[in-house]
Amino acid sequence: NAQNQGDWYVGTGDIANTAWTEWSVAPTVGYGIADNFMVGVNVSQADSSAEMVLDAHVRYFYNGLFGYVSAPNLDTDKLTIGLGKMFTLHKGVYVDPKVVYDTNLKTTNLMLGFGLKF
């Protein structure tokens, strides 16, 4: 699963830990700016009364795993950091489970995203 400069990623941010009655898709877009290094943004909104959150993130791929750092609303005081693995299911369709530590809330969560790589 080589991650190359020029690769595009389009998918969801996280579909784990969400009740079906509250399920929503948080679109995410990423771009491989160098081999094994991807930057991206994720947009999410819990409901129509909540504030929209713009989440910038980076991933560094090494030996089949990736390190993950994210800044919700570009706030570096609320970083999330994690480790995950991207699995290619079929012709660019991927799933990417990751364990993420929220430095603001002091919690560790399992996140699950999926999407397309082209």
N, C-alpha and C. Protein backbone atom coordinates (compact mmCIF):
# COMPACT_ATOMS: atom_id res chain seq x y z
N ASN A 1 0.82 -1.20 0.00
CA ASN A 1 0.00 0.00 0.00
C ASN A 1 0.86 1.25 0.00
N ALA A 2 1.60 1.48 -1.05
CA ALA A 2 2.46 2.66 -1.13
C ALA A 2 1.60 3.92 -1.20
N GLN A 3 2.03 4.91 -0.47
CA GLN A 3 1.37 6.22 -0.48
C GLN A 3 2.29 7.15 -1.25
N ASN A 4 1.83 7.64 -2.39
CA ASN A 4 2.71 8.38 -3.28
C ASN A 4 2.34 9.85 -3.38
N GLN A 5 3.35 10.65 -3.72
CA GLN A 5 3.10 12.05 -4.00
C GLN A 5 2.09 12.14 -5.13
N GLY A 6 1.09 13.00 -4.97
CA GLY A 6 0.06 13.17 -5.99
C GLY A 6 -1.19 12.34 -5.77
N ASP A 7 -1.17 11.41 -4.82
CA ASP A 7 -2.37 10.62 -4.49
C ASP A 7 -3.42 11.53 -3.85
N TRP A 8 -4.68 11.31 -4.20
CA TRP A 8 -5.81 12.01 -3.59
C TRP A 8 -6.59 11.01 -2.73
N TYR A 9 -7.12 11.48 -1.61
CA TYR A 9 -7.93 10.68 -0.70
C TYR A 9 -9.25 11.42 -0.46
N VAL A 10 -10.36 10.75 -0.68
CA VAL A 10 -11.67 11.34 -0.44
C VAL A 10 -12.46 10.33 0.38
N GLY A 11 -12.98 10.74 1.53
CA GLY A 11 -13.69 9.78 2.35
C GLY A 11 -14.40 10.42 3.53
N THR A 12 -14.49 9.65 4.60
CA THR A 12 -15.13 10.10 5.83
C THR A 12 -14.07 10.25 6.91
N GLY A 13 -14.34 11.13 7.85
CA GLY A 13 -13.42 11.31 8.97
C GLY A 13 -13.52 10.18 9.96
N ASP A 14 -14.70 9.96 10.55
CA ASP A 14 -14.86 8.94 11.58
C ASP A 14 -16.31 8.48 11.59
N ILE A 15 -16.49 7.16 11.53
CA ILE A 15 -17.85 6.62 11.61
C ILE A 15 -18.03 5.76 12.85
N ALA A 16 -17.02 5.69 13.71
CA ALA A 16 -17.10 4.88 14.92
C ALA A 16 -17.71 5.71 16.06
N ASN A 17 -18.15 5.03 17.11
CA ASN A 17 -18.67 5.66 18.32
C ASN A 17 -19.84 6.61 18.08
N THR A 18 -20.68 6.29 17.11
CA THR A 18 -21.82 7.15 16.79
C THR A 18 -23.08 6.30 16.71
N ALA A 19 -24.10 6.72 17.45
CA ALA A 19 -25.38 6.00 17.39
C ALA A 19 -26.00 6.21 16.00
N TRP A 20 -26.75 5.22 15.52
CA TRP A 20 -27.36 5.33 14.19
C TRP A 20 -28.28 6.54 14.10
N THR A 21 -28.91 6.93 15.20
CA THR A 21 -29.81 8.09 15.16
C THR A 21 -29.04 9.40 15.06
N GLU A 22 -27.75 9.37 15.35
CA GLU A 22 -26.93 10.59 15.28
C GLU A 22 -25.87 10.50 14.19
N TRP A 23 -25.97 9.49 13.32
CA TRP A 23 -24.93 9.24 12.34
C TRP A 23 -24.90 10.35 11.30
N SER A 24 -23.71 10.82 10.99
CA SER A 24 -23.54 11.81 9.94
C SER A 24 -22.20 11.54 9.27
N VAL A 25 -22.03 12.01 8.08
CA VAL A 25 -20.79 11.84 7.35
C VAL A 25 -19.99 13.13 7.46
N ALA A 26 -18.75 12.99 7.86
CA ALA A 26 -17.84 14.13 7.92
C ALA A 26 -16.86 14.00 6.76
N PRO A 27 -17.11 14.69 5.65
CA PRO A 27 -16.26 14.52 4.48
C PRO A 27 -14.82 14.95 4.77
N THR A 28 -13.90 14.19 4.20
CA THR A 28 -12.49 14.51 4.35
C THR A 28 -11.81 14.39 2.99
N VAL A 29 -10.85 15.27 2.76
CA VAL A 29 -10.08 15.26 1.52
C VAL A 29 -8.61 15.37 1.90
N GLY A 30 -7.78 14.54 1.29
CA GLY A 30 -6.34 14.58 1.54
C GLY A 30 -5.56 14.51 0.26
N TYR A 31 -4.32 14.95 0.32
CA TYR A 31 -3.45 14.97 -0.84
C TYR A 31 -2.04 14.56 -0.43
N GLY A 32 -1.43 13.67 -1.20
CA GLY A 32 -0.06 13.25 -0.95
C GLY A 32 0.92 14.31 -1.44
N ILE A 33 1.48 15.10 -0.50
CA ILE A 33 2.39 16.17 -0.91
C ILE A 33 3.81 15.66 -1.14
N ALA A 34 4.11 14.48 -0.63
CA ALA A 34 5.38 13.80 -0.86
C ALA A 34 5.13 12.32 -0.63
N ASP A 35 6.03 11.48 -1.09
CA ASP A 35 5.87 10.04 -0.84
C ASP A 35 5.74 9.81 0.67
N ASN A 36 4.73 9.06 1.06
CA ASN A 36 4.44 8.69 2.45
C ASN A 36 4.02 9.85 3.36
N PHE A 37 3.64 10.99 2.80
CA PHE A 37 3.25 12.15 3.61
C PHE A 37 1.99 12.77 3.01
N MET A 38 0.91 12.79 3.77
CA MET A 38 -0.38 13.29 3.30
C MET A 38 -0.89 14.39 4.22
N VAL A 39 -1.47 15.45 3.65
CA VAL A 39 -2.15 16.50 4.41
C VAL A 39 -3.61 16.51 3.98
N GLY A 40 -4.49 16.93 4.88
CA GLY A 40 -5.90 16.94 4.53
C GLY A 40 -6.73 17.81 5.44
N VAL A 41 -8.00 17.91 5.08
CA VAL A 41 -8.98 18.65 5.88
C VAL A 41 -10.24 17.79 6.02
N ASN A 42 -10.93 17.99 7.10
CA ASN A 42 -12.15 17.27 7.42
C ASN A 42 -13.16 18.32 7.91
N VAL A 43 -14.38 18.26 7.43
CA VAL A 43 -15.43 19.19 7.86
C VAL A 43 -16.51 18.38 8.56
N SER A 44 -16.90 18.82 9.76
CA SER A 44 -17.95 18.10 10.48
C SER A 44 -18.85 19.08 11.21
N GLN A 45 -20.08 18.65 11.46
CA GLN A 45 -21.06 19.42 12.20
C GLN A 45 -21.99 18.42 12.87
N ALA A 46 -22.05 18.46 14.20
CA ALA A 46 -22.84 17.47 14.94
C ALA A 46 -24.32 17.55 14.58
N ASP A 47 -24.87 18.74 14.51
CA ASP A 47 -26.26 18.94 14.09
C ASP A 47 -26.42 20.38 13.62
N SER A 48 -27.62 20.77 13.20
CA SER A 48 -27.82 22.09 12.61
C SER A 48 -27.60 23.23 13.60
N SER A 49 -27.66 22.94 14.90
CA SER A 49 -27.43 24.00 15.89
C SER A 49 -25.97 24.08 16.34
N ALA A 50 -25.15 23.11 15.95
CA ALA A 50 -23.75 23.08 16.37
C ALA A 50 -22.88 23.84 15.38
N GLU A 51 -21.75 24.27 15.87
CA GLU A 51 -20.78 24.98 15.04
C GLU A 51 -20.06 24.00 14.12
N MET A 52 -19.80 24.41 12.90
CA MET A 52 -19.06 23.59 11.96
C MET A 52 -17.59 23.58 12.38
N VAL A 53 -16.96 22.41 12.29
CA VAL A 53 -15.56 22.24 12.69
C VAL A 53 -14.72 21.91 11.45
N LEU A 54 -13.69 22.69 11.22
CA LEU A 54 -12.73 22.43 10.15
C LEU A 54 -11.49 21.83 10.80
N ASP A 55 -11.16 20.63 10.43
CA ASP A 55 -10.10 19.85 11.05
C ASP A 55 -8.97 19.64 10.05
N ALA A 56 -7.80 20.23 10.30
CA ALA A 56 -6.63 20.00 9.44
C ALA A 56 -5.83 18.85 10.03
N HIS A 57 -5.34 17.94 9.16
CA HIS A 57 -4.58 16.81 9.67
C HIS A 57 -3.45 16.43 8.72
N VAL A 58 -2.47 15.74 9.28
CA VAL A 58 -1.36 15.20 8.50
C VAL A 58 -1.18 13.73 8.87
N ARG A 59 -0.68 12.97 7.91
CA ARG A 59 -0.36 11.56 8.13
C ARG A 59 1.02 11.29 7.55
N TYR A 60 1.78 10.51 8.29
CA TYR A 60 3.05 10.03 7.78
C TYR A 60 3.01 8.51 7.78
N PHE A 61 3.21 7.90 6.62
CA PHE A 61 3.12 6.45 6.45
C PHE A 61 4.51 5.83 6.57
N TYR A 62 4.61 4.74 7.35
CA TYR A 62 5.88 4.05 7.52
C TYR A 62 5.62 2.58 7.85
N ASN A 63 6.20 1.69 7.07
CA ASN A 63 6.08 0.24 7.30
C ASN A 63 4.63 -0.23 7.43
N GLY A 64 3.74 0.28 6.60
CA GLY A 64 2.35 -0.16 6.60
C GLY A 64 1.46 0.53 7.63
N LEU A 65 2.02 1.36 8.50
CA LEU A 65 1.24 2.10 9.49
C LEU A 65 1.32 3.59 9.17
N PHE A 66 0.48 4.38 9.83
CA PHE A 66 0.62 5.83 9.69
C PHE A 66 0.48 6.50 11.05
N GLY A 67 1.28 7.55 11.23
CA GLY A 67 1.13 8.44 12.37
C GLY A 67 0.18 9.54 11.96
N TYR A 68 -0.61 10.03 12.90
CA TYR A 68 -1.70 10.96 12.60
C TYR A 68 -1.67 12.11 13.59
N VAL A 69 -1.75 13.34 13.11
CA VAL A 69 -1.88 14.52 13.96
C VAL A 69 -2.97 15.39 13.36
N SER A 70 -3.88 15.88 14.22
CA SER A 70 -5.01 16.66 13.77
C SER A 70 -5.20 17.88 14.68
N ALA A 71 -5.62 19.00 14.08
CA ALA A 71 -5.88 20.23 14.83
C ALA A 71 -7.31 20.69 14.54
N PRO A 72 -8.28 20.36 15.42
CA PRO A 72 -9.66 20.80 15.21
C PRO A 72 -9.77 22.33 15.20
N ASN A 73 -10.44 22.85 14.19
CA ASN A 73 -10.58 24.30 13.99
C ASN A 73 -9.22 25.00 14.00
N LEU A 74 -8.20 24.27 13.56
CA LEU A 74 -6.83 24.78 13.47
C LEU A 74 -6.29 25.23 14.83
N ASP A 75 -6.82 24.69 15.90
CA ASP A 75 -6.42 25.03 17.26
C ASP A 75 -5.36 24.03 17.74
N THR A 76 -4.11 24.48 17.82
CA THR A 76 -3.02 23.58 18.21
C THR A 76 -3.04 23.24 19.70
N ASP A 77 -3.90 23.88 20.49
CA ASP A 77 -4.05 23.53 21.90
C ASP A 77 -4.95 22.31 22.08
N LYS A 78 -5.64 21.89 21.02
CA LYS A 78 -6.57 20.76 21.09
C LYS A 78 -6.18 19.65 20.12
N LEU A 79 -4.90 19.38 20.00
CA LEU A 79 -4.41 18.38 19.05
C LEU A 79 -4.92 16.98 19.40
N THR A 80 -5.11 16.19 18.36
CA THR A 80 -5.31 14.76 18.52
C THR A 80 -4.16 14.08 17.80
N ILE A 81 -3.61 13.04 18.41
CA ILE A 81 -2.50 12.31 17.82
C ILE A 81 -2.84 10.83 17.81
N GLY A 82 -2.37 10.12 16.81
CA GLY A 82 -2.74 8.71 16.76
C GLY A 82 -1.87 7.87 15.86
N LEU A 83 -2.24 6.60 15.82
CA LEU A 83 -1.55 5.60 15.02
C LEU A 83 -2.62 4.74 14.35
N GLY A 84 -2.44 4.46 13.06
CA GLY A 84 -3.44 3.67 12.34
C GLY A 84 -2.84 2.88 11.21
N LYS A 85 -3.71 2.22 10.48
CA LYS A 85 -3.31 1.43 9.32
C LYS A 85 -4.38 1.60 8.25
N MET A 86 -3.94 1.82 7.01
CA MET A 86 -4.86 1.95 5.89
C MET A 86 -4.90 0.61 5.15
N PHE A 87 -6.10 0.04 5.03
CA PHE A 87 -6.29 -1.21 4.31
C PHE A 87 -6.99 -0.91 2.99
N THR A 88 -6.39 -1.33 1.88
CA THR A 88 -7.04 -1.21 0.58
C THR A 88 -7.91 -2.43 0.38
N LEU A 89 -9.21 -2.20 0.20
CA LEU A 89 -10.15 -3.30 0.03
C LEU A 89 -10.26 -3.75 -1.42
N HIS A 90 -10.39 -2.77 -2.33
CA HIS A 90 -10.56 -3.11 -3.74
C HIS A 90 -10.34 -1.86 -4.59
N LYS A 91 -9.33 -1.87 -5.45
CA LYS A 91 -9.09 -0.82 -6.43
C LYS A 91 -9.24 0.59 -5.87
N GLY A 92 -8.52 0.91 -4.82
CA GLY A 92 -8.52 2.25 -4.27
C GLY A 92 -9.54 2.50 -3.19
N VAL A 93 -10.41 1.55 -2.89
CA VAL A 93 -11.35 1.69 -1.77
C VAL A 93 -10.59 1.29 -0.51
N TYR A 94 -10.60 2.17 0.49
CA TYR A 94 -9.82 1.89 1.69
C TYR A 94 -10.66 2.05 2.95
N VAL A 95 -10.17 1.44 4.01
CA VAL A 95 -10.69 1.62 5.35
C VAL A 95 -9.46 1.91 6.22
N ASP A 96 -9.60 2.84 7.18
CA ASP A 96 -8.44 3.21 7.97
C ASP A 96 -8.77 3.33 9.46
N PRO A 97 -8.71 2.22 10.18
CA PRO A 97 -8.89 2.28 11.63
C PRO A 97 -7.66 2.94 12.28
N LYS A 98 -7.91 3.71 13.34
CA LYS A 98 -6.81 4.34 14.05
C LYS A 98 -7.16 4.53 15.52
N VAL A 99 -6.16 4.49 16.36
CA VAL A 99 -6.30 4.79 17.78
C VAL A 99 -5.80 6.22 17.96
N VAL A 100 -6.64 7.08 18.56
CA VAL A 100 -6.33 8.50 18.64
C VAL A 100 -6.44 8.99 20.08
N TYR A 101 -5.44 9.77 20.50
CA TYR A 101 -5.45 10.38 21.83
C TYR A 101 -5.78 11.86 21.67
N ASP A 102 -6.80 12.33 22.37
CA ASP A 102 -7.22 13.73 22.36
C ASP A 102 -6.50 14.45 23.49
N THR A 103 -5.59 15.36 23.16
CA THR A 103 -4.79 16.05 24.18
C THR A 103 -5.61 17.03 25.00
N ASN A 104 -6.73 17.48 24.48
CA ASN A 104 -7.60 18.41 25.21
C ASN A 104 -8.48 17.67 26.22
N LEU A 105 -9.16 16.62 25.77
CA LEU A 105 -10.08 15.87 26.63
C LEU A 105 -9.38 14.78 27.43
N LYS A 106 -8.12 14.48 27.09
CA LYS A 106 -7.35 13.43 27.76
C LYS A 106 -8.03 12.06 27.63
N THR A 107 -8.53 11.77 26.42
CA THR A 107 -9.20 10.50 26.15
C THR A 107 -8.54 9.81 24.96
N THR A 108 -8.66 8.50 24.93
CA THR A 108 -8.18 7.69 23.81
C THR A 108 -9.38 7.04 23.15
N ASN A 109 -9.47 7.15 21.83
CA ASN A 109 -10.63 6.63 21.09
C ASN A 109 -10.18 5.81 19.89
N LEU A 110 -11.05 4.89 19.49
CA LEU A 110 -10.87 4.17 18.24
C LEU A 110 -11.69 4.89 17.19
N MET A 111 -11.07 5.25 16.09
CA MET A 111 -11.76 5.93 14.98
C MET A 111 -11.70 5.03 13.76
N LEU A 112 -12.69 5.17 12.91
CA LEU A 112 -12.76 4.36 11.70
C LEU A 112 -13.21 5.24 10.54
N GLY A 113 -12.41 5.36 9.54
CA GLY A 113 -12.77 6.09 8.34
C GLY A 113 -12.72 5.18 7.13
N PHE A 114 -13.33 5.62 6.04
CA PHE A 114 -13.24 4.87 4.79
C PHE A 114 -13.36 5.83 3.63
N GLY A 115 -12.92 5.41 2.45
CA GLY A 115 -13.00 6.30 1.32
C GLY A 115 -12.36 5.73 0.07
N LEU A 116 -11.96 6.64 -0.81
CA LEU A 116 -11.34 6.30 -2.09
C LEU A 116 -9.97 6.95 -2.19
N LYS A 117 -9.04 6.23 -2.76
CA LYS A 117 -7.70 6.76 -3.03
C LYS A 117 -7.49 6.68 -4.54
N PHE A 118 -7.09 7.78 -5.14
CA PHE A 118 -6.82 7.76 -6.58
C PHE A 118 -5.71 8.72 -6.93
